[in-house]
Amino acid sequence: MRVRELSILVVEDDDFQRQMVINMLRSLGVASVYDASNGQQAIEIIRGKSEKLVDIIICDLNMPEMDGLEFLRHLGQEHHNVSIILVSALGSRLLGSAARMAKMYGIKLLGAIEKPIALQQIKNMFHKYDRSENKWLEAANTSDGFLLKDILQGIQADEFEPFFQPKVDLATDQLVGAEVLARWNHPKLGVVGPYGFIPQLEQSKNIEGLTFMMLEKASVALREFHDNGHTFNLSVNISLASLNDTAFAEKITSIVRNVGLDPHHIILEITETAAMTDAAHALENLARLCMKGFTLSIDDYGTGYSSMQQLTRIAFSELKIDQSFVKDLSDNEAMRIVVESCIDMAHKLKVKSVAEGVESQKDWDMLKSLGCDTAQGYFIAKPMNLASFSRYLPGNLNY
């Protein structure tokens, strides 16, 4: 989307600062600019139109009548389709806390800026908005409105396929692997992302069928890549629900070996919640998978209540730092410290550190300077189907 096509609402109680931001927006070519002096005025503007009025809201936190926090709560509860840029002079920690709250409300957060605002910061947010629209449209297309029977019929009809998101070595810029992500080629709605079907399958304990399908299709593809001289590993997500089946490890091993692939080339990503479970069946499966030659990865690290003692429960070889810590890493010192400690811990445990959700050159550079091993995210490439990924492989990676 071009800048001049954007419609922006500035919510700021200080008249001078509000006008300063408006002038910046005008200088960037934004034609449609609205303004409000507090959250109450802003929410009335948003509610006042049946059609979409605003693309982006630039919102201060500390305001009279209705502050930015309450305004964010109303936006989230009323499901308004707008993107938010938070600004404040109250420090990065408060901004970071407000940003996390906004995400928990389901708000499309572009980022947070400490005052005084610079023109380049606004330009960077516009670039992020442009890059993020496709991703958010995909998320909007993955509502939980699908019936379980329709999802199961889709699996039976072989309508699901693996998408591949590249994983790149930060030191060499070389492709070292890809994460396999399930997508539903819905006959009427097109490509549906995981939030449209994973929760229903997990809650109904029907996830194994999809897991096995994705693993087999991905393994066949990887064997062909290897045959054509492209040697790398694939990462496949494993659900906690599957680990309760004591025969799960044997089933996974059979699928991979039956297509002529060595388990050493498959990384099984286990969510931190699953890794920390007390269930003996789950720990038995994880240990057996490791014995069979699979590499185990702790996925979404940092989102659960983990400790060093819990991390030693399984023989994992990869620590995947959750994207919520990686996004805006370069602009948030608290996040940088957390990520740096995760990378340091991974190195001390002699395992690979992987950062997911890398979306900017600045975050890439910061992760590289911190010694992170591997990165994935929209900055490198979005998930793509097999045909697109196959075309992607021979190309040079330029950053």
Foldseek 3Di string as FASTA:
>chain_A
DQLCPFAEEEEAQDPVLSVVVVVLSVVSNHDHYHYHNALVVVVCVCVVDPDGRHAEYEAEADGPPHGPLNSLLVCLVVVRNYEYEYEYQPDQVVQLVSVVVSVVSVHRYLYYYYPPDDSVVVVVSVVSSVLCPVVVVLVVQQAQPDDQVVVVVQLVVVQKEWWWFFKAFLVPRHTAETETAIWGCDPPSGTHHDSNHVVVCLVVVNCVSVQLVHLLRVLLLQVVCVVVPNDHAYEYEDDLSQLLDLCSLVSSLCSNVVSPHQQLRYEYEYEQVSLQDPDPSNLNSQAVNVVSNHAYEHECPPPDPDDPVSVVSHDHQEYEHHLSLLVVVLVRVVSLVVVLVVCVVNVVVNHAYEYEAHDDPSSSVSCVVSPHTMYTHVNQNDTGGSVVVVVVVVDRGDD
